[in-house]
Protein backbone atom coordinates (compact mmCIF):
# COMPACT_ATOMS: atom_id res chain seq x y z
CA MET A 1 0.00 0.00 0.00
CA SER A 2 1.48 3.31 -1.10
CA SER A 3 0.99 6.41 1.05
CA ARG A 4 1.75 10.09 0.72
CA VAL A 5 4.55 10.93 3.17
CA ALA A 6 6.04 14.29 4.18
CA VAL A 7 9.57 14.19 5.61
CA VAL A 8 10.25 17.37 7.58
CA GLY A 9 13.62 18.57 8.90
CA TYR A 10 16.99 20.08 8.17
CA ALA A 11 18.95 19.62 4.95
CA SER A 12 22.73 19.35 4.93
CA MET A 13 25.68 18.61 2.72
CA ASP A 14 27.57 15.94 4.68
CA HIS A 15 31.38 15.84 4.90
CA SER A 16 32.22 12.55 6.61
CA MET A 17 35.87 11.94 7.48
CA GLU A 18 37.94 9.33 9.27
CA CYS A 19 40.41 10.98 11.63
CA ASP A 20 43.11 10.18 14.16
CA GLU A 21 42.45 10.85 17.83
CA PHE A 22 40.32 13.98 18.18
CA ARG A 23 42.46 16.47 20.10
CA ALA A 24 39.96 19.34 20.39
CA ALA A 25 41.77 22.46 21.66
CA SER A 26 44.82 20.53 22.86
CA GLY A 27 46.32 19.98 19.42
CA THR A 28 45.75 19.33 15.73
CA THR A 29 43.46 16.50 14.66
CA LEU A 30 44.61 14.80 11.46
CA ILE A 31 42.18 13.60 8.80
CA LYS A 32 43.06 10.11 7.53
CA ARG A 33 40.64 9.99 4.60
CA ARG A 34 37.40 11.34 3.26
CA LEU A 35 34.50 8.93 3.63
CA SER A 36 31.62 10.64 1.79
CA ASP A 37 31.45 9.45 -1.80
CA PRO A 38 30.55 11.54 -3.70
CA TRP A 39 32.06 14.41 -1.74
CA PRO A 40 30.13 15.86 -0.04
CA GLY A 41 27.17 13.56 0.52
CA ILE A 42 23.63 14.75 1.03
CA GLY A 43 22.26 14.39 4.54
CA GLY A 44 19.65 15.83 6.85
CA ILE A 45 16.31 14.39 5.76
CA ALA A 46 17.82 12.83 2.63
CA HIS A 47 18.40 9.28 3.93
CA ALA A 48 14.91 8.87 5.42
CA ALA A 49 13.28 10.37 2.32
CA ARG A 50 15.34 8.10 0.05
CA GLY A 51 14.40 4.99 2.02
CA LEU A 52 10.70 5.77 2.00
CA ALA A 53 10.71 6.56 -1.73
CA ALA A 54 12.57 3.32 -2.47
CA ALA A 55 9.74 1.47 -0.70
CA GLY A 56 7.29 2.87 -3.23
CA HIS A 57 5.71 5.71 -1.27
CA THR A 58 5.04 9.21 -2.59
CA VAL A 59 7.57 11.19 -0.58
CA HIS A 60 7.70 14.97 -0.26
CA ALA A 61 10.78 16.66 1.18
CA VAL A 62 10.02 19.60 3.47
CA THR A 63 13.31 21.37 4.14
CA TRP A 64 15.38 24.51 3.49
CA VAL A 65 18.44 25.03 1.27
CA GLY A 66 20.21 28.00 -0.29
CA THR A 67 20.33 29.30 -3.83
CA ASP A 68 24.02 28.38 -4.01
CA GLU A 69 25.51 25.47 -5.95
CA PRO A 70 25.36 23.05 -2.97
CA GLY A 71 21.63 23.82 -2.67
CA LYS A 72 21.09 23.03 -6.33
CA GLU A 73 23.10 19.82 -6.00
CA TYR A 74 21.13 18.80 -2.91
CA MET A 75 17.83 19.18 -4.75
CA GLU A 76 19.06 17.40 -7.87
CA ARG A 77 20.39 14.40 -5.97
CA LEU A 78 17.36 14.17 -3.70
CA GLY A 79 15.13 14.29 -6.76
CA SER A 80 17.17 11.50 -8.36
CA TYR A 81 16.03 9.21 -5.49
CA GLY A 82 12.42 9.71 -6.57
CA VAL A 83 11.66 12.26 -3.83
CA ASP A 84 9.34 15.16 -4.69
CA ILE A 85 11.34 18.36 -4.07
CA THR A 86 8.60 20.96 -4.58
CA GLY A 87 8.52 21.41 -0.79
CA VAL A 88 12.21 22.37 -0.60
CA SER A 89 12.43 26.08 0.24
CA THR A 90 15.24 28.06 -1.44
CA ASP A 91 14.71 31.34 0.41
CA SER A 92 18.25 31.30 1.84
CA VAL A 93 21.58 32.05 0.18
CA ARG A 94 23.85 29.46 1.83
CA THR A 95 22.97 25.77 2.18
CA PRO A 96 23.53 24.02 5.54
CA SER A 97 26.45 21.63 5.89
CA CYS A 98 27.55 19.01 8.37
CA PHE A 99 31.07 17.83 9.24
CA LEU A 100 31.38 14.37 10.79
CA PHE A 101 34.69 13.16 12.23
CA TYR A 102 34.91 9.41 12.91
CA GLY A 103 37.67 8.69 15.43
CA PRO A 104 39.57 5.47 16.19
CA ASP A 105 37.73 5.04 19.50
CA GLY A 106 34.40 4.60 17.74
CA GLU A 107 33.16 8.03 18.79
CA THR A 108 31.96 10.63 16.29
CA VAL A 109 32.31 14.40 16.52
CA VAL A 110 29.59 16.25 14.60
CA VAL A 111 29.66 19.96 13.70
CA TYR A 112 26.60 21.42 11.95
CA ASP A 113 26.54 24.71 10.06
CA PRO A 114 22.89 25.77 9.56
CA GLY A 115 23.83 28.21 6.79
CA ASP A 116 21.81 31.39 6.71
CA ARG A 117 18.40 29.73 6.54
CA ALA A 118 15.24 31.55 7.54
CA ALA A 119 13.86 31.13 11.06
CA GLY A 120 12.46 27.72 10.16
CA ASN A 121 8.77 28.42 9.80
CA LEU A 122 6.94 26.44 7.14
CA THR A 123 6.12 28.14 3.86
CA ASP A 124 2.54 28.11 2.56
CA LEU A 125 3.45 25.35 0.09
CA GLN A 126 5.09 23.29 2.83
CA ARG A 127 1.96 23.62 4.96
CA GLU A 128 -0.13 22.36 2.05
CA ILE A 129 2.17 19.35 1.66
CA VAL A 130 1.98 18.48 5.36
CA ALA A 131 -1.79 18.91 5.38
CA SER A 132 -2.27 16.58 2.41
CA SER A 133 0.02 13.79 3.67
CA ASP A 134 -1.09 10.49 5.19
CA TRP A 135 2.09 10.23 7.25
CA VAL A 136 4.39 12.98 8.53
CA CYS A 137 7.95 12.03 9.48
CA LEU A 138 9.67 14.49 11.80
CA MET A 139 13.45 14.43 11.58
CA VAL A 140 15.62 16.93 13.45
CA GLY A 141 14.68 20.41 12.28
CA PRO A 142 13.83 23.95 13.36
CA ARG A 143 11.65 24.13 16.46
CA PRO A 144 9.13 26.55 14.85
CA ALA A 145 8.52 24.04 12.05
CA ASN A 146 8.12 21.18 14.55
CA ILE A 147 5.50 23.15 16.46
CA GLU A 148 3.65 24.10 13.28
CA VAL A 149 3.49 20.46 12.22
CA LEU A 150 2.11 19.41 15.60
CA ASP A 151 -0.47 22.19 15.50
CA MET A 152 -1.59 21.17 12.01
CA LEU A 153 -1.93 17.40 12.42
CA ARG A 154 -5.41 15.95 12.10
CA ASP A 155 -6.61 12.83 13.87
CA ASP A 156 -6.52 10.84 10.62
CA GLN A 157 -2.82 11.61 9.99
CA GLN A 158 0.02 9.47 11.35
CA LEU A 159 3.19 10.93 12.90
CA ALA A 160 6.60 9.23 13.05
CA TRP A 161 9.62 10.68 14.88
CA GLY A 162 13.26 9.99 14.12
CA VAL A 163 14.76 11.25 17.38
CA LYS A 164 17.91 13.35 17.63
CA GLY A 165 19.14 14.64 20.98
CA ASP A 166 18.98 18.30 19.98
CA PRO A 167 17.65 20.63 22.72
CA ASP A 168 17.44 23.52 20.24
CA ALA A 169 14.97 21.58 18.11
CA TYR A 170 13.14 19.85 20.94
CA SER A 171 12.15 21.64 24.12
CA PRO A 172 10.57 19.45 26.84
CA GLY A 173 7.12 20.69 25.81
CA VAL A 174 7.70 19.74 22.17
CA VAL A 175 9.05 16.31 23.13
CA HIS A 176 6.00 15.59 25.29
CA ARG A 177 3.66 16.61 22.47
CA ILE A 178 5.45 14.42 19.93
CA LEU A 179 5.57 11.38 22.21
CA SER A 180 1.85 11.63 22.98
CA ARG A 181 1.01 11.80 19.26
CA ALA A 182 3.53 9.64 17.37
CA SER A 183 2.74 6.15 16.05
CA VAL A 184 6.44 5.35 15.51
CA VAL A 185 9.43 6.59 17.55
CA SER A 186 12.99 5.57 16.69
CA PHE A 187 16.08 6.47 18.75
CA SER A 188 19.57 5.25 19.53
CA ALA A 189 20.72 4.17 22.98
CA ARG A 190 22.50 7.52 23.33
CA GLU A 191 19.36 9.44 22.37
CA ARG A 192 17.44 7.43 24.98
CA VAL A 193 19.45 9.36 27.58
CA PHE A 194 18.19 12.62 26.07
CA LEU A 195 14.60 11.37 26.15
CA ASP A 196 14.80 9.99 29.70
CA ARG A 197 16.13 13.29 30.99
CA ILE A 198 13.15 15.13 29.50
CA VAL A 199 10.34 12.73 30.43
CA ALA A 200 11.45 12.22 34.05
CA PRO A 201 10.01 11.43 36.54
CA ARG A 202 7.59 9.44 34.33
CA THR A 203 8.94 6.66 32.15
CA LEU A 204 9.19 6.96 28.41
CA LEU A 205 6.48 4.35 27.86
CA GLU A 206 4.06 6.31 30.03
CA ARG A 207 4.48 9.33 27.77
CA THR A 208 3.68 7.51 24.52
CA ARG A 209 0.38 6.36 23.10
CA PRO A 210 -0.46 2.71 23.89
CA ASP A 211 -0.27 1.53 20.26
CA ALA A 212 2.99 3.32 19.42
CA LEU A 213 5.97 1.32 18.19
CA LEU A 214 9.21 2.35 19.91
CA ALA A 215 12.61 1.18 18.69
CA GLU A 216 15.95 1.70 20.44
CA THR A 217 18.98 0.90 18.29
CA HIS A 218 22.17 -0.53 19.80
CA GLY A 219 24.38 -0.76 16.73
CA PRO A 220 25.53 -4.33 16.03
CA ALA A 221 23.98 -5.49 19.34
CA GLY A 222 20.52 -5.19 17.81
CA VAL A 223 17.29 -3.24 18.21
CA ARG A 224 15.04 -3.24 21.26
CA ILE A 225 11.36 -2.68 20.48
CA TRP A 226 8.24 -1.95 22.53
CA ARG A 227 4.59 -1.88 21.57
CA GLY A 228 1.91 -2.29 24.18
CA GLU A 229 2.76 -5.51 26.04
CA LEU A 230 5.38 -6.45 23.44
CA HIS A 231 9.03 -6.11 24.48
CA ASP A 232 11.46 -7.80 22.09
CA MET A 233 15.00 -7.69 20.71
CA VAL A 234 15.73 -7.87 16.98
CA PRO A 235 19.30 -8.97 16.13
CA CYS A 236 21.65 -7.24 13.69
CA THR A 237 24.63 -8.38 11.66
CA GLU A 238 27.82 -6.49 12.47
CA ILE A 239 29.29 -4.70 9.44
CA ASP A 240 32.79 -3.27 9.48
CA ALA A 241 31.84 0.15 8.09
CA VAL A 242 33.59 3.27 9.36
CA ASP A 243 31.05 5.73 7.97
CA THR A 244 27.68 5.00 9.58
CA THR A 245 26.15 8.37 8.62
CA GLY A 246 22.45 7.96 7.85
CA ALA A 247 22.16 4.34 9.01
CA GLY A 248 19.77 5.29 11.79
CA ASP A 249 17.64 7.29 9.37
CA MET A 250 17.50 4.39 6.92
CA PHE A 251 16.45 2.11 9.77
CA PHE A 252 13.69 4.59 10.58
CA ALA A 253 12.56 4.71 6.93
CA GLY A 254 12.41 0.93 6.66
CA MET A 255 10.45 0.61 9.87
CA VAL A 256 7.95 3.36 8.95
CA SER A 257 7.47 1.86 5.48
CA SER A 258 6.62 -1.48 7.02
CA MET A 259 4.19 0.07 9.52
CA ILE A 260 2.43 1.91 6.68
CA GLU A 261 1.95 -1.34 4.82
CA ASP A 262 1.15 -3.65 7.75
CA PRO A 263 0.91 -2.09 11.23
CA SER A 264 0.16 -5.48 12.80
CA GLU A 265 3.78 -6.70 12.52
CA PRO A 266 6.04 -4.59 14.79
CA ARG A 267 8.87 -7.13 14.86
CA GLY A 268 8.75 -7.39 11.07
CA ALA A 269 8.90 -3.58 10.89
CA ALA A 270 12.04 -3.50 13.02
CA GLN A 271 13.61 -6.24 10.90
CA ARG A 272 12.87 -4.29 7.75
CA GLY A 273 14.52 -1.28 9.33
CA VAL A 274 17.60 -3.34 10.12
CA ASP A 275 17.71 -4.59 6.52
CA ALA A 276 17.50 -1.01 5.18
CA ALA A 277 20.31 0.22 7.43
CA THR A 278 22.44 -2.81 6.59
CA GLY A 279 21.94 -2.18 2.88
CA LEU A 280 23.20 1.39 3.25
CA LEU A 281 26.31 0.30 5.14
CA LEU A 282 27.08 -2.46 2.62
CA GLU A 283 26.99 0.16 -0.16
CA ARG A 284 29.97 1.84 1.49
CA LEU A 285 32.24 -1.17 1.80
CA PRO A 286 35.11 -1.39 -0.69
CA ALA A 287 34.43 -3.67 -3.64
CA SER A 288 37.13 -6.09 -2.44
CA ALA A 289 35.52 -6.42 1.03
């Protein structure tokens, strides 16, 4: 079953790099190699939108880029994935970019440049797209846009949230509103800390709707899922990929796609998410691997 899906959040041109030990202010950090191929990659909402479009859904990107060459490239490449880009605002001059430094200890340092985008309110066209969608996927994005989406949602629309631990995007009030409304919530073990801090003293499950599917990713250790009385663990296959940029978003896209098509199979939805993330990581392995 194909649905009309709006994916709302930041755009970015991603510059993923493998580096030696990150020295911060104590010294110079050396880059070992560039990981994004092509350089730079497209990020922000791009991975989730790509995954949903690949599953056969009508996907509309709701985001903001500049009128510069990176903005044009972002739109062209997103469109090449089969994503409708009419909801991409080009009111800014400079397109956002993200710099991701993967260190030898397995940790990642992320620096985001939001460009000179507008305040983040939805345009009239973006509001129309959100209003006409069956599902709305909230990725990390400007808080004003998040609030507008929540204010606009009708009872017959479904909301899915790909969590990022960003206090600028998500105040406690916004988090509580999303959790009480979303049908699907996906987060990493690290982002669970962000959520637990906000929902305290009540538990996360007490904040969500009873039929919501929650998924907590633990990298190669697997995915923990909850839905009503269901509490299960879905295994993953470890892949030796340095650049994991977008894997969580592809997992989210696979899981949402499955829930659109058959909401009665939460474990199958999580497995489909794992398969989508695995497929992305396998794309990045050298041909000889």
